[in-house]
Amino acid sequence: MLNSIMTESAFKARDIGLRAQKKILSRMAGKNIAKAFIDDTTSSLLDNLYRLAKQYSNNKKEAEKLIKNIIKVVIKLGVLHRNNMLSDEEMQLAEKFKGKFRIAGMAIISFFEVDFSYDANYIVRALRESQKCLESIVSKHLTDKSVSRIDSVFSFFADEHFLDAVFKRESEYREALGRVVADLNKAIDNGDL
């Protein structure tokens, strides 16, 4: 009996510890904390996504919130992974997410580099499939607020108006998108995407 009480108590303490880690790290989701979980290439990609979102939305706060939401989710996933909290099924979904997200990234690169190849429906579909995988992974572990963060990020970047604006010929966002594409290429070359 004492052994089962100890196990229940230890489990609850671990649970509380994990929640505290996720909460503390997400509250401090800035560049210093992000560096522990995010490599230099991804950090550059986030900086360039911020610039693109800020330029498109003309709203610094919205762009900052989008990037902070990405960082918070990445940090929380990192905590879950480092503490072996993801089931085998969730790890398989993580691999599926990585594959779908890689396809989306490669499409963005291709549509940027090859004139007249842009297909909004293709990118939207690839991003939405990535989003479904990601939400399936985190739904048992993170709060509804975290899931809504994921939704807000994908809603912004998978919005057809946004995509049409950044991919149109002679787009005012071409330079910013070019920096994002360079980071995506580097992430793929490094095996990070």
C-alpha atoms as a PDB file:
ATOM      1  CA  MET A   1       0.000   0.000   0.000  1.00  0.00           C
ATOM      2  CA  LEU A   2       2.779   2.416   0.902  1.00  0.00           C
ATOM      3  CA  ASN A   3       4.406   1.666  -2.449  1.00  0.00           C
ATOM      4  CA  SER A   4       1.234   2.588  -4.377  1.00  0.00           C
ATOM      5  CA  ILE A   5       0.871   5.805  -2.385  1.00  0.00           C
ATOM      6  CA  MET A   6       4.490   6.693  -3.195  1.00  0.00           C
ATOM      7  CA  THR A   7       3.893   5.951  -6.890  1.00  0.00           C
ATOM      8  CA  GLU A   8       0.735   8.081  -6.977  1.00  0.00           C
ATOM      9  CA  SER A   9       2.526  10.876  -5.137  1.00  0.00           C
ATOM     10  CA  ALA A  10       5.562  10.704  -7.420  1.00  0.00           C
ATOM     11  CA  PHE A  11       3.358  10.722 -10.505  1.00  0.00           C
ATOM     12  CA  LYS A  12       1.521  13.804  -9.317  1.00  0.00           C
ATOM     13  CA  ALA A  13       4.783  15.543  -8.465  1.00  0.00           C
ATOM     14  CA  ARG A  14       6.138  14.737 -11.928  1.00  0.00           C
ATOM     15  CA  ASP A  15       2.908  16.010 -13.460  1.00  0.00           C
ATOM     16  CA  ILE A  16       3.161  19.242 -11.522  1.00  0.00           C
ATOM     17  CA  GLY A  17       6.839  19.542 -12.433  1.00  0.00           C
ATOM     18  CA  LEU A  18       6.092  19.171 -16.134  1.00  0.00           C
ATOM     19  CA  ARG A  19       3.274  21.697 -15.974  1.00  0.00           C
ATOM     20  CA  ALA A  20       5.562  24.114 -14.149  1.00  0.00           C
ATOM     21  CA  GLN A  21       8.318  23.657 -16.757  1.00  0.00           C
ATOM     22  CA  LYS A  22       5.892  24.279 -19.617  1.00  0.00           C
ATOM     23  CA  LYS A  23       4.363  27.293 -17.885  1.00  0.00           C
ATOM     24  CA  ILE A  24       7.640  28.898 -16.821  1.00  0.00           C
ATOM     25  CA  LEU A  25       9.356  28.360 -20.154  1.00  0.00           C
ATOM     26  CA  SER A  26       6.365  29.573 -22.161  1.00  0.00           C
ATOM     27  CA  ARG A  27       6.165  32.753 -20.043  1.00  0.00           C
ATOM     28  CA  MET A  28       9.826  33.414 -20.745  1.00  0.00           C
ATOM     29  CA  ALA A  29       9.475  32.607 -24.458  1.00  0.00           C
ATOM     30  CA  GLY A  30      12.045  35.002 -25.738  1.00  0.00           C
ATOM     31  CA  LYS A  31      15.224  34.611 -27.716  1.00  0.00           C
ATOM     32  CA  ASN A  32      17.364  33.429 -24.768  1.00  0.00           C
ATOM     33  CA  ILE A  33      15.055  30.564 -23.801  1.00  0.00           C
ATOM     34  CA  ALA A  34      14.325  29.753 -27.432  1.00  0.00           C
ATOM     35  CA  LYS A  35      18.059  29.212 -28.065  1.00  0.00           C
ATOM     36  CA  ALA A  36      17.968  26.186 -25.743  1.00  0.00           C
ATOM     37  CA  PHE A  37      15.289  24.599 -27.913  1.00  0.00           C
ATOM     38  CA  ILE A  38      15.790  26.177 -31.340  1.00  0.00           C
ATOM     39  CA  ASP A  39      18.918  26.065 -33.515  1.00  0.00           C
ATOM     40  CA  ASP A  40      20.442  29.057 -35.334  1.00  0.00           C
ATOM     41  CA  THR A  41      18.806  28.255 -38.685  1.00  0.00           C
ATOM     42  CA  THR A  42      15.351  27.998 -37.118  1.00  0.00           C
ATOM     43  CA  SER A  43      16.004  31.174 -35.140  1.00  0.00           C
ATOM     44  CA  SER A  44      16.858  33.006 -38.369  1.00  0.00           C
ATOM     45  CA  LEU A  45      13.743  31.553 -40.006  1.00  0.00           C
ATOM     46  CA  LEU A  46      11.600  32.841 -37.132  1.00  0.00           C
ATOM     47  CA  ASP A  47      13.201  36.284 -37.387  1.00  0.00           C
ATOM     48  CA  ASN A  48      12.458  36.394 -41.109  1.00  0.00           C
ATOM     49  CA  LEU A  49       8.903  35.104 -40.636  1.00  0.00           C
ATOM     50  CA  TYR A  50       8.448  37.913 -38.113  1.00  0.00           C
ATOM     51  CA  ARG A  51       9.662  40.494 -40.635  1.00  0.00           C
ATOM     52  CA  LEU A  52       7.376  39.092 -43.334  1.00  0.00           C
ATOM     53  CA  ALA A  53       4.347  38.972 -41.009  1.00  0.00           C
ATOM     54  CA  LYS A  54       5.057  42.487 -39.737  1.00  0.00           C
ATOM     55  CA  GLN A  55       5.441  43.873 -43.246  1.00  0.00           C
ATOM     56  CA  TYR A  56       2.273  42.143 -44.467  1.00  0.00           C
ATOM     57  CA  SER A  57       0.061  42.926 -41.465  1.00  0.00           C
ATOM     58  CA  ASN A  58       1.636  46.307 -40.769  1.00  0.00           C
ATOM     59  CA  ASN A  59       1.150  45.299 -37.139  1.00  0.00           C
ATOM     60  CA  LYS A  60       4.225  44.758 -34.972  1.00  0.00           C
ATOM     61  CA  LYS A  61       2.212  43.311 -32.056  1.00  0.00           C
ATOM     62  CA  GLU A  62       0.454  40.745 -34.233  1.00  0.00           C
ATOM     63  CA  ALA A  63       3.742  39.656 -35.810  1.00  0.00           C
ATOM     64  CA  GLU A  64       5.396  39.364 -32.387  1.00  0.00           C
ATOM     65  CA  LYS A  65       2.454  37.327 -31.077  1.00  0.00           C
ATOM     66  CA  LEU A  66       2.639  34.914 -34.024  1.00  0.00           C
ATOM     67  CA  ILE A  67       6.325  34.237 -33.465  1.00  0.00           C
ATOM     68  CA  LYS A  68       5.924  33.979 -29.677  1.00  0.00           C
ATOM     69  CA  ASN A  69       3.131  31.460 -30.254  1.00  0.00           C
ATOM     70  CA  ILE A  70       5.440  29.379 -32.445  1.00  0.00           C
ATOM     71  CA  ILE A  71       8.221  29.546 -29.840  1.00  0.00           C
ATOM     72  CA  LYS A  72       5.864  28.622 -26.981  1.00  0.00           C
ATOM     73  CA  VAL A  73       4.555  25.569 -28.818  1.00  0.00           C
ATOM     74  CA  VAL A  74       8.068  24.473 -29.829  1.00  0.00           C
ATOM     75  CA  ILE A  75       9.284  24.853 -26.231  1.00  0.00           C
ATOM     76  CA  LYS A  76       6.350  22.896 -24.846  1.00  0.00           C
ATOM     77  CA  LEU A  77       6.883  20.144 -27.416  1.00  0.00           C
ATOM     78  CA  GLY A  78      10.548  20.111 -26.448  1.00  0.00           C
ATOM     79  CA  VAL A  79       9.637  19.663 -22.778  1.00  0.00           C
ATOM     80  CA  LEU A  80       7.255  16.823 -23.639  1.00  0.00           C
ATOM     81  CA  HIS A  81       9.853  15.125 -25.826  1.00  0.00           C
ATOM     82  CA  ARG A  82      12.746  15.535 -23.374  1.00  0.00           C
ATOM     83  CA  ASN A  83      10.608  14.032 -20.608  1.00  0.00           C
ATOM     84  CA  ASN A  84       9.514  11.095 -22.806  1.00  0.00           C
ATOM     85  CA  MET A  85       5.864  12.102 -22.489  1.00  0.00           C
ATOM     86  CA  LEU A  86       4.954  11.389 -26.117  1.00  0.00           C
ATOM     87  CA  SER A  87       3.543   7.954 -26.880  1.00  0.00           C
ATOM     88  CA  ASP A  88       4.803   5.829 -29.770  1.00  0.00           C
ATOM     89  CA  GLU A  89       1.711   6.865 -31.738  1.00  0.00           C
ATOM     90  CA  GLU A  90       2.425  10.548 -31.037  1.00  0.00           C
ATOM     91  CA  MET A  91       6.056  10.080 -32.082  1.00  0.00           C
ATOM     92  CA  GLN A  92       4.807   8.574 -35.354  1.00  0.00           C
ATOM     93  CA  LEU A  93       2.519  11.588 -35.766  1.00  0.00           C
ATOM     94  CA  ALA A  94       5.545  13.818 -35.116  1.00  0.00           C
ATOM     95  CA  GLU A  95       7.386  12.110 -37.978  1.00  0.00           C
ATOM     96  CA  LYS A  96       4.289  12.513 -40.157  1.00  0.00           C
ATOM     97  CA  PHE A  97       4.122  16.205 -39.177  1.00  0.00           C
ATOM     98  CA  LYS A  98       7.784  16.657 -40.058  1.00  0.00           C
ATOM     99  CA  GLY A  99       7.194  15.063 -43.475  1.00  0.00           C
ATOM    100  CA  LYS A 100       4.099  17.156 -44.220  1.00  0.00           C
ATOM    101  CA  PHE A 101       5.789  20.342 -43.039  1.00  0.00           C
ATOM    102  CA  ARG A 102       8.838  19.540 -45.151  1.00  0.00           C
ATOM    103  CA  ILE A 103       6.546  19.162 -48.195  1.00  0.00           C
ATOM    104  CA  ALA A 104       5.021  22.574 -47.430  1.00  0.00           C
ATOM    105  CA  GLY A 105       8.495  24.097 -47.075  1.00  0.00           C
ATOM    106  CA  MET A 106       9.699  22.578 -50.330  1.00  0.00           C
ATOM    107  CA  ALA A 107       6.585  23.848 -52.111  1.00  0.00           C
ATOM    108  CA  ILE A 108       7.221  27.368 -50.813  1.00  0.00           C
ATOM    109  CA  ILE A 109      10.812  27.179 -52.060  1.00  0.00           C
ATOM    110  CA  SER A 110       9.726  25.848 -55.447  1.00  0.00           C
ATOM    111  CA  PHE A 111       6.942  28.386 -55.915  1.00  0.00           C
ATOM    112  CA  PHE A 112       9.366  31.187 -55.035  1.00  0.00           C
ATOM    113  CA  GLU A 113      12.132  29.976 -57.346  1.00  0.00           C
ATOM    114  CA  VAL A 114      10.088  28.830 -60.370  1.00  0.00           C
ATOM    115  CA  ASP A 115       7.998  31.491 -62.102  1.00  0.00           C
ATOM    116  CA  PHE A 116       4.317  30.735 -62.706  1.00  0.00           C
ATOM    117  CA  SER A 117       4.345  27.634 -60.473  1.00  0.00           C
ATOM    118  CA  TYR A 118       2.548  29.118 -57.439  1.00  0.00           C
ATOM    119  CA  ASP A 119      -0.472  27.089 -56.302  1.00  0.00           C
ATOM    120  CA  ALA A 120      -2.188  28.494 -53.202  1.00  0.00           C
ATOM    121  CA  ASN A 121      -4.397  25.425 -52.755  1.00  0.00           C
ATOM    122  CA  TYR A 122      -1.345  23.166 -52.608  1.00  0.00           C
ATOM    123  CA  ILE A 123       0.359  25.214 -49.885  1.00  0.00           C
ATOM    124  CA  VAL A 124      -2.851  25.650 -47.898  1.00  0.00           C
ATOM    125  CA  ARG A 125      -3.546  21.913 -48.032  1.00  0.00           C
ATOM    126  CA  ALA A 126       0.040  21.023 -46.995  1.00  0.00           C
ATOM    127  CA  LEU A 127      -0.043  23.504 -44.104  1.00  0.00           C
ATOM    128  CA  ARG A 128      -3.491  22.372 -42.921  1.00  0.00           C
ATOM    129  CA  GLU A 129      -2.381  18.712 -42.988  1.00  0.00           C
ATOM    130  CA  SER A 130       0.667  19.711 -40.929  1.00  0.00           C
ATOM    131  CA  GLN A 131      -1.580  21.566 -38.506  1.00  0.00           C
ATOM    132  CA  LYS A 132      -3.851  18.520 -38.016  1.00  0.00           C
ATOM    133  CA  CYS A 133      -0.846  16.316 -37.212  1.00  0.00           C
ATOM    134  CA  LEU A 134       0.551  18.849 -34.762  1.00  0.00           C
ATOM    135  CA  GLU A 135      -2.781  19.331 -33.002  1.00  0.00           C
ATOM    136  CA  SER A 136      -3.200  15.550 -32.715  1.00  0.00           C
ATOM    137  CA  ILE A 137       0.201  15.318 -31.035  1.00  0.00           C
ATOM    138  CA  VAL A 138      -0.404  18.051 -28.468  1.00  0.00           C
ATOM    139  CA  SER A 139      -4.135  17.684 -27.791  1.00  0.00           C
ATOM    140  CA  LYS A 140      -3.629  15.256 -24.877  1.00  0.00           C
ATOM    141  CA  HIS A 141      -0.746  17.212 -23.361  1.00  0.00           C
ATOM    142  CA  LEU A 142      -1.364  20.923 -23.817  1.00  0.00           C
ATOM    143  CA  THR A 143      -4.210  23.250 -22.958  1.00  0.00           C
ATOM    144  CA  ASP A 144      -6.852  24.497 -25.360  1.00  0.00           C
ATOM    145  CA  LYS A 145      -5.013  27.828 -25.261  1.00  0.00           C
ATOM    146  CA  SER A 146      -1.893  26.173 -26.694  1.00  0.00           C
ATOM    147  CA  VAL A 147      -3.966  24.477 -29.392  1.00  0.00           C
ATOM    148  CA  SER A 148      -5.509  27.863 -30.235  1.00  0.00           C
ATOM    149  CA  ARG A 149      -1.963  29.262 -30.574  1.00  0.00           C
ATOM    150  CA  ILE A 150      -1.271  26.618 -33.201  1.00  0.00           C
ATOM    151  CA  ASP A 151      -4.513  27.505 -34.955  1.00  0.00           C
ATOM    152  CA  SER A 152      -3.698  31.229 -35.005  1.00  0.00           C
ATOM    153  CA  VAL A 153      -0.245  30.611 -36.512  1.00  0.00           C
ATOM    154  CA  PHE A 154      -1.525  28.315 -39.235  1.00  0.00           C
ATOM    155  CA  SER A 155      -4.537  30.572 -39.898  1.00  0.00           C
ATOM    156  CA  PHE A 156      -2.199  33.469 -40.589  1.00  0.00           C
ATOM    157  CA  PHE A 157       0.379  31.680 -42.737  1.00  0.00           C
ATOM    158  CA  ALA A 158      -2.129  29.458 -44.600  1.00  0.00           C
ATOM    159  CA  ASP A 159      -4.419  32.369 -45.436  1.00  0.00           C
ATOM    160  CA  GLU A 160      -4.906  32.583 -49.202  1.00  0.00           C
ATOM    161  CA  HIS A 161      -4.886  36.400 -49.200  1.00  0.00           C
ATOM    162  CA  PHE A 162      -1.526  36.374 -47.424  1.00  0.00           C
ATOM    163  CA  LEU A 163      -0.111  33.715 -49.755  1.00  0.00           C
ATOM    164  CA  ASP A 164      -1.421  35.452 -52.892  1.00  0.00           C
ATOM    165  CA  ALA A 165       0.119  38.747 -51.733  1.00  0.00           C
ATOM    166  CA  VAL A 166       3.565  37.311 -50.994  1.00  0.00           C
ATOM    167  CA  PHE A 167       3.767  35.065 -54.075  1.00  0.00           C
ATOM    168  CA  LYS A 168       2.395  37.412 -56.733  1.00  0.00           C
ATOM    169  CA  ARG A 169       4.837  38.564 -59.361  1.00  0.00           C
ATOM    170  CA  GLU A 170       6.475  41.859 -58.478  1.00  0.00           C
ATOM    171  CA  SER A 171       5.326  41.402 -54.868  1.00  0.00           C
ATOM    172  CA  GLU A 172       6.455  44.019 -52.386  1.00  0.00           C
ATOM    173  CA  TYR A 173       7.163  41.067 -50.054  1.00  0.00           C
ATOM    174  CA  ARG A 174       9.533  39.313 -52.470  1.00  0.00           C
ATOM    175  CA  GLU A 175      12.706  40.261 -50.584  1.00  0.00           C
ATOM    176  CA  ALA A 176      11.295  39.178 -47.208  1.00  0.00           C
ATOM    177  CA  LEU A 177       9.991  35.931 -48.708  1.00  0.00           C
ATOM    178  CA  GLY A 178      13.418  35.374 -50.274  1.00  0.00           C
ATOM    179  CA  ARG A 179      15.031  35.461 -46.812  1.00  0.00           C
ATOM    180  CA  VAL A 180      12.460  32.943 -45.544  1.00  0.00           C
ATOM    181  CA  VAL A 181      13.155  30.717 -48.552  1.00  0.00           C
ATOM    182  CA  ALA A 182      16.924  30.918 -47.939  1.00  0.00           C
ATOM    183  CA  ASP A 183      16.344  29.785 -44.336  1.00  0.00           C
ATOM    184  CA  LEU A 184      14.032  26.982 -45.486  1.00  0.00           C
ATOM    185  CA  ASN A 185      16.718  25.799 -47.949  1.00  0.00           C
ATOM    186  CA  LYS A 186      19.324  25.826 -45.181  1.00  0.00           C
ATOM    187  CA  ALA A 187      16.975  23.933 -42.803  1.00  0.00           C
ATOM    188  CA  ILE A 188      16.392  21.272 -45.457  1.00  0.00           C
ATOM    189  CA  ASP A 189      20.115  20.998 -46.214  1.00  0.00           C
ATOM    190  CA  ASN A 190      20.853  20.610 -42.486  1.00  0.00           C
ATOM    191  CA  GLY A 191      18.151  17.959 -42.120  1.00  0.00           C
ATOM    192  CA  ASP A 192      16.185  20.149 -39.703  1.00  0.00           C
ATOM    193  CA  LEU A 193      13.130  20.249 -41.956  1.00  0.00           C
END
